C-alpha atoms as a PDB file:
ATOM      1  CA  MET A   1      89.976  89.777  71.484  1.00  0.00           C
ATOM      2  CA  PRO A   2      91.542  91.772  74.300  1.00  0.00           C
ATOM      3  CA  ARG A   3      89.471  93.969  76.511  1.00  0.00           C
ATOM      4  CA  PRO A   4      89.631  97.704  75.762  1.00  0.00           C
ATOM      5  CA  ARG A   5      91.788  99.706  78.133  1.00  0.00           C
ATOM      6  CA  ARG A   6      89.877 101.869  80.660  1.00  0.00           C
ATOM      7  CA  SER A   7      90.711 105.537  80.687  1.00  0.00           C
ATOM      8  CA  ARG A   8      92.608 106.623  83.740  1.00  0.00           C
ATOM      9  CA  ARG A   9      91.763 109.754  85.782  1.00  0.00           C
ATOM     10  CA  VAL A  10      94.478 112.403  85.745  1.00  0.00           C
ATOM     11  CA  PHE A  11      94.015 115.212  88.271  1.00  0.00           C
ATOM     12  CA  GLY A  12      96.787 117.532  87.185  1.00  0.00           C
ATOM     13  CA  GLU A  13      98.628 118.141  83.951  1.00  0.00           C
ATOM     14  CA  PRO A  14     102.444 118.199  84.394  1.00  0.00           C
ATOM     15  CA  GLN A  15     103.857 121.665  84.618  1.00  0.00           C
ATOM     16  CA  PHE A  16     106.716 120.550  82.365  1.00  0.00           C
ATOM     17  CA  ARG A  17     106.485 118.050  79.597  1.00  0.00           C
ATOM     18  CA  CYS A  18     110.178 117.626  78.852  1.00  0.00           C
ATOM     19  CA  PHE A  19     113.309 117.122  80.967  1.00  0.00           C
ATOM     20  CA  LYS A  20     116.744 117.200  79.299  1.00  0.00           C
ATOM     21  CA  PRO A  21     120.198 116.425  80.608  1.00  0.00           C
ATOM     22  CA  GLU A  22     122.503 119.407  81.081  1.00  0.00           C
ATOM     23  CA  LYS A  23     124.563 118.666  78.031  1.00  0.00           C
ATOM     24  CA  GLY A  24     122.835 118.150  74.740  1.00  0.00           C
ATOM     25  CA  THR A  25     122.045 114.539  73.837  1.00  0.00           C
ATOM     26  CA  ASP A  26     121.284 112.789  70.551  1.00  0.00           C
ATOM     27  CA  LYS A  27     119.996 109.641  72.245  1.00  0.00           C
ATOM     28  CA  GLU A  28     116.447 108.370  71.787  1.00  0.00           C
ATOM     29  CA  PRO A  29     114.172 110.121  74.358  1.00  0.00           C
ATOM     30  CA  VAL A  30     112.209 108.125  76.932  1.00  0.00           C
ATOM     31  CA  LEU A  31     108.478 108.569  76.662  1.00  0.00           C
ATOM     32  CA  ILE A  32     106.333 108.623  79.774  1.00  0.00           C
ATOM     33  CA  THR A  33     102.477 108.541  79.441  1.00  0.00           C
ATOM     34  CA  LEU A  34     100.224 110.838  81.396  1.00  0.00           C
ATOM     35  CA  ASP A  35      98.987 107.875  83.454  1.00  0.00           C
ATOM     36  CA  GLU A  36     102.533 106.859  84.347  1.00  0.00           C
ATOM     37  CA  PHE A  37     103.243 110.437  85.321  1.00  0.00           C
ATOM     38  CA  GLU A  38     100.120 110.482  87.483  1.00  0.00           C
ATOM     39  CA  SER A  39     100.916 107.237  89.263  1.00  0.00           C
ATOM     40  CA  VAL A  40     104.377 108.609  90.178  1.00  0.00           C
ATOM     41  CA  ARG A  41     102.841 111.877  91.350  1.00  0.00           C
ATOM     42  CA  LEU A  42     100.263 110.181  93.501  1.00  0.00           C
ATOM     43  CA  LYS A  43     102.443 107.443  95.010  1.00  0.00           C
ATOM     44  CA  ASP A  44     105.986 109.031  95.203  1.00  0.00           C
ATOM     45  CA  TYR A  45     105.358 112.705  95.335  1.00  0.00           C
ATOM     46  CA  GLN A  46     102.080 112.955  97.306  1.00  0.00           C
ATOM     47  CA  LYS A  47     102.824 109.710  99.376  1.00  0.00           C
ATOM     48  CA  ILE A  48      99.288 108.460  98.898  1.00  0.00           C
ATOM     49  CA  GLN A  49      98.953 104.686  99.539  1.00  0.00           C
ATOM     50  CA  GLN A  50      98.614 102.382  96.557  1.00  0.00           C
ATOM     51  CA  LYS A  51      95.019 101.475  97.239  1.00  0.00           C
ATOM     52  CA  LYS A  52      93.806 104.991  97.519  1.00  0.00           C
ATOM     53  CA  ALA A  53      95.908 106.092  94.541  1.00  0.00           C
ATOM     54  CA  ALA A  54      94.448 103.291  92.372  1.00  0.00           C
ATOM     55  CA  GLU A  55      90.913 104.378  93.409  1.00  0.00           C
ATOM     56  CA  LEU A  56      91.667 107.976  92.558  1.00  0.00           C
ATOM     57  CA  MET A  57      92.859 107.053  89.054  1.00  0.00           C
ATOM     58  CA  GLY A  58      89.830 104.681  88.622  1.00  0.00           C
ATOM     59  CA  ILE A  59      92.006 101.576  88.023  1.00  0.00           C
ATOM     60  CA  SER A  60      92.689  98.357  89.906  1.00  0.00           C
ATOM     61  CA  GLN A  61      95.630  98.043  92.309  1.00  0.00           C
ATOM     62  CA  PRO A  62      97.503  95.617  90.002  1.00  0.00           C
ATOM     63  CA  THR A  63      97.110  97.917  87.022  1.00  0.00           C
ATOM     64  CA  PHE A  64      98.278 100.860  89.148  1.00  0.00           C
ATOM     65  CA  HIS A  65     101.395  98.811  90.267  1.00  0.00           C
ATOM     66  CA  ARG A  66     102.224  97.876  86.701  1.00  0.00           C
ATOM     67  CA  THR A  67     101.861 101.519  85.570  1.00  0.00           C
ATOM     68  CA  LEU A  68     103.957 102.821  88.451  1.00  0.00           C
ATOM     69  CA  THR A  69     106.685 100.190  87.908  1.00  0.00           C
ATOM     70  CA  SER A  70     106.815 101.054  84.197  1.00  0.00           C
ATOM     71  CA  ALA A  71     107.155 104.717  85.002  1.00  0.00           C
ATOM     72  CA  ARG A  72     109.894 104.157  87.599  1.00  0.00           C
ATOM     73  CA  GLU A  73     111.904 101.951  85.115  1.00  0.00           C
ATOM     74  CA  LYS A  74     111.691 104.626  82.410  1.00  0.00           C
ATOM     75  CA  ILE A  75     112.789 107.355  84.758  1.00  0.00           C
ATOM     76  CA  ALA A  76     115.627 105.315  86.068  1.00  0.00           C
ATOM     77  CA  LYS A  77     116.778 104.474  82.564  1.00  0.00           C
ATOM     78  CA  ALA A  78     116.692 108.148  81.484  1.00  0.00           C
ATOM     79  CA  LEU A  79     118.628 109.297  84.568  1.00  0.00           C
ATOM     80  CA  VAL A  80     121.325 106.632  84.291  1.00  0.00           C
ATOM     81  CA  GLU A  81     121.714 106.831  80.481  1.00  0.00           C
ATOM     82  CA  GLY A  82     121.369 110.631  80.239  1.00  0.00           C
ATOM     83  CA  LYS A  83     118.285 110.536  78.019  1.00  0.00           C
ATOM     84  CA  ILE A  84     115.535 113.164  77.553  1.00  0.00           C
ATOM     85  CA  ILE A  85     112.249 112.480  79.332  1.00  0.00           C
ATOM     86  CA  ASN A  86     109.071 113.394  77.419  1.00  0.00           C
ATOM     87  CA  ILE A  87     105.688 113.199  79.023  1.00  0.00           C
ATOM     88  CA  LYS A  88     102.783 112.757  76.593  1.00  0.00           C
ATOM     89  CA  GLY A  89      99.746 110.690  75.595  1.00  0.00           C
ATOM     90  CA  GLY A  90      98.039 107.818  77.296  1.00  0.00           C
ATOM     91  CA  ILE A  91      94.364 106.932  77.717  1.00  0.00           C
ATOM     92  CA  CYS A  92      93.437 109.529  80.303  1.00  0.00           C
ATOM     93  CA  MET A  93      90.473 111.639  81.269  1.00  0.00           C
ATOM     94  CA  ASN A  94      90.818 114.914  83.104  1.00  0.00           C
ATOM     95  CA  ASP A  95      88.593 115.315  86.169  1.00  0.00           C
ATOM     96  CA  GLU A  96      87.602 118.936  85.444  1.00  0.00           C
ATOM     97  CA  LYS A  97      84.066 117.872  84.527  1.00  0.00           C
ATOM     98  CA  ARG A  98      83.555 114.780  86.738  1.00  0.00           C
ATOM     99  CA  TYR A  99      80.822 114.701  89.420  1.00  0.00           C
ATOM    100  CA  ARG A 100      79.523 112.568  92.310  1.00  0.00           C
ATOM    101  CA  CYS A 101      76.084 112.725  93.961  1.00  0.00           C
ATOM    102  CA  SER A 102      76.457 112.956  97.780  1.00  0.00           C
ATOM    103  CA  LYS A 103      73.018 111.386  98.202  1.00  0.00           C
ATOM    104  CA  CYS A 104      73.018 108.272  96.007  1.00  0.00           C
ATOM    105  CA  GLY A 105      76.743 108.014  95.161  1.00  0.00           C
ATOM    106  CA  PHE A 106      76.237 108.107  91.389  1.00  0.00           C
ATOM    107  CA  GLU A 107      79.322 109.309  89.448  1.00  0.00           C
ATOM    108  CA  TRP A 108      79.378 110.725  85.945  1.00  0.00           C
ATOM    109  CA  HIS A 109      81.717 112.566  83.557  1.00  0.00           C
ATOM    110  CA  SER A 110      80.584 115.345  81.268  1.00  0.00           C
ATOM    111  CA  PRO A 111      83.228 117.258  79.258  1.00  0.00           C
ATOM    112  CA  THR A 112      80.573 119.577  77.687  1.00  0.00           C
ATOM    113  CA  LYS A 113      77.949 120.441  80.352  1.00  0.00           C
ATOM    114  CA  GLU A 114      77.966 121.729  83.951  1.00  0.00           C
ATOM    115  CA  TYR A 115      75.516 120.029  86.280  1.00  0.00           C
ATOM    116  CA  ASP A 116      73.391 121.454  89.120  1.00  0.00           C
ATOM    117  CA  SER A 117      71.654 118.220  90.062  1.00  0.00           C
ATOM    118  CA  CYS A 118      72.238 114.416  89.840  1.00  0.00           C
ATOM    119  CA  PRO A 119      70.921 112.941  86.618  1.00  0.00           C
ATOM    120  CA  ASP A 120      70.105 109.728  88.501  1.00  0.00           C
ATOM    121  CA  CYS A 121      68.130 110.851  91.598  1.00  0.00           C
ATOM    122  CA  GLY A 122      67.684 114.604  90.958  1.00  0.00           C
ATOM    123  CA  SER A 123      69.462 115.631  94.221  1.00  0.00           C
ATOM    124  CA  GLU A 124      71.260 119.003  94.206  1.00  0.00           C
ATOM    125  CA  GLU A 125      73.851 117.684  96.602  1.00  0.00           C
ATOM    126  CA  ILE A 126      76.605 117.055  93.986  1.00  0.00           C
ATOM    127  CA  VAL A 127      80.347 117.444  94.334  1.00  0.00           C
ATOM    128  CA  SER A 128      82.871 118.147  91.622  1.00  0.00           C
ATOM    129  CA  LEU A 129      85.543 115.530  91.955  1.00  0.00           C
ATOM    130  CA  ARG A 130      88.140 118.112  91.019  1.00  0.00           C
ATOM    131  CA  SER A 131      87.313 120.094  94.155  1.00  0.00           C
ATOM    132  CA  GLU A 132      87.438 116.850  96.234  1.00  0.00           C
ATOM    133  CA  VAL A 133      91.023 116.236  94.978  1.00  0.00           C
ATOM    134  CA  GLN A 134      92.064 119.787  95.747  1.00  0.00           C
ATOM    135  CA  ASN A 135      90.836 119.283  99.396  1.00  0.00           C
ATOM    136  CA  LEU A 136      93.580 116.703  99.788  1.00  0.00           C
ATOM    137  CA  GLY A 137      95.826 119.674 100.467  1.00  0.00           C
ATOM    138  CA  GLN A 138      99.505 120.150  99.731  1.00  0.00           C
ATOM    139  CA  PRO A 139     101.414 117.146  98.416  1.00  0.00           C
ATOM    140  CA  GLY A 140     102.068 114.703 101.238  1.00  0.00           C
ATOM    141  CA  MET A 141      99.967 116.574 103.823  1.00  0.00           C
ATOM    142  CA  GLY A 142      97.986 114.236 105.986  1.00  0.00           C
ATOM    143  CA  MET A 143      98.978 111.179 103.964  1.00  0.00           C
ATOM    144  CA  ARG A 144     102.126 110.106 105.731  1.00  0.00           C
ATOM    145  CA  ARG A 145     102.158 106.528 107.097  1.00  0.00           C
ATOM    146  CA  SER A 146     102.219 106.728 110.841  1.00  0.00           C
ATOM    147  CA  PHE A 147     100.982 104.986 113.917  1.00  0.00           C
ATOM    148  CA  GLY A 148      97.261 105.677 114.207  1.00  0.00           C
ATOM    149  CA  GLY A 149      96.587 106.492 110.583  1.00  0.00           C
ATOM    150  CA  PRO A 150      96.913 109.496 108.318  1.00  0.00           C
ATOM    151  CA  GLY A 151      97.543 112.903 109.859  1.00  0.00           C
ATOM    152  CA  ARG A 152      98.287 111.704 113.325  1.00  0.00           C
ATOM    153  CA  ARG A 153     101.524 112.008 115.201  1.00  0.00           C
ATOM    154  CA  ALA A 154     104.267 109.644 113.953  1.00  0.00           C
ATOM    155  CA  GLY A 155     105.572 106.899 116.235  1.00  0.00           C
ATOM    156  CA  PRO A 156     104.107 104.533 118.777  1.00  0.00           C
ATOM    157  CA  PRO A 157     102.031 105.777 121.680  1.00  0.00           C
ATOM    158  CA  SER A 158     103.761 106.931 124.888  1.00  0.00           C
ATOM    159  CA  VAL A 159     100.916 105.954 127.209  1.00  0.00           C
ATOM    160  CA  CYS A 160      98.975 102.666 127.726  1.00  0.00           C
ATOM    161  CA  LYS A 161      95.285 103.008 128.839  1.00  0.00           C
ATOM    162  CA  CYS A 162      92.948 100.415 130.289  1.00  0.00           C
ATOM    163  CA  THR A 163      89.897  99.766 128.132  1.00  0.00           C
ATOM    164  CA  LYS A 164      87.714  99.078 131.172  1.00  0.00           C
ATOM    165  CA  CYS A 165      88.562 101.526 133.972  1.00  0.00           C
ATOM    166  CA  GLY A 166      90.565 104.123 132.085  1.00  0.00           C
ATOM    167  CA  TYR A 167      93.858 103.730 134.180  1.00  0.00           C
ATOM    168  CA  GLU A 168      96.815 105.144 132.423  1.00  0.00           C
ATOM    169  CA  THR A 169     100.502 104.240 132.736  1.00  0.00           C
ATOM    170  CA  GLU A 170     103.738 105.093 130.859  1.00  0.00           C
ATOM    171  CA  LYS A 171     104.323 102.632 127.965  1.00  0.00           C
ATOM    172  CA  THR A 172     107.323 100.283 128.316  1.00  0.00           C
ATOM    173  CA  PRO A 173     109.533 100.618 125.202  1.00  0.00           C
ATOM    174  CA  GLY A 174     109.511  97.480 123.082  1.00  0.00           C
ATOM    175  CA  ILE A 175     106.425  95.899 124.664  1.00  0.00           C
ATOM    176  CA  PRO A 176     102.997  96.520 122.931  1.00  0.00           C
ATOM    177  CA  CYS A 177     100.346  97.927 125.276  1.00  0.00           C
ATOM    178  CA  ARG A 178      97.981  95.026 124.312  1.00  0.00           C
ATOM    179  CA  GLU A 179     100.379  92.610 126.045  1.00  0.00           C
ATOM    180  CA  ASP A 180     100.023  94.439 129.412  1.00  0.00           C
ATOM    181  CA  LYS A 181      97.127  93.976 131.901  1.00  0.00           C
ATOM    182  CA  CYS A 182      95.702  96.763 134.046  1.00  0.00           C
ATOM    183  CA  PRO A 183      97.120  96.575 137.642  1.00  0.00           C
ATOM    184  CA  LYS A 184      93.845  97.891 139.109  1.00  0.00           C
ATOM    185  CA  CYS A 185      91.151  95.764 137.256  1.00  0.00           C
ATOM    186  CA  GLY A 186      93.018  93.228 135.193  1.00  0.00           C
ATOM    187  CA  GLY A 187      91.500  94.626 131.934  1.00  0.00           C
ATOM    188  CA  SER A 188      93.434  94.811 128.634  1.00  0.00           C
ATOM    189  CA  MET A 189      95.518  97.916 127.852  1.00  0.00           C
ATOM    190  CA  CYS A 190      95.696  99.773 124.571  1.00  0.00           C
ATOM    191  CA  GLY A 191      97.825 102.567 123.208  1.00  0.00           C
ATOM    192  CA  ALA A 192      96.559 106.062 123.904  1.00  0.00           C
ATOM    193  CA  ASP A 193      97.772 109.606 122.965  1.00  0.00           C
END
């Protein structure tokens, strides 16, 4: 007997549920589930890395990848063949009533009741996961892939700095800072900006 499918977290309902070609079509519409829509929104629209996007949806990375691939194939088919795209269904849960305790890390979902304290440890330090997602900011903000991690300047460093004495020198293009040695103390260099 196969394992039951886990419900996926969806953070935002689509603003539009149907996309039609300019000219009328009598072809069979392409159906995209809410979890497929969410995977495209997180990965392609908000530029969130796959690992983080899978965590946000509450699924594994391989499952996220399969969901994303399925959605991309359906969208490509609809665009190339001029079919209607309908977004509906899927095993999803909205994060409007999902909570996490800041003290013990316990997470729970309650569609009917609002909570003021953690049911596990009693702490009043709880966070609505909906507000946590809203704090990510505008789509793509702080999530771009760049040297030094999210939200930093794009591109490699322009200065190499000694890890021992703090000596700084201009970076030689094409040569990583870690391959240089400090001319003053002989210590290893690293990129700094």
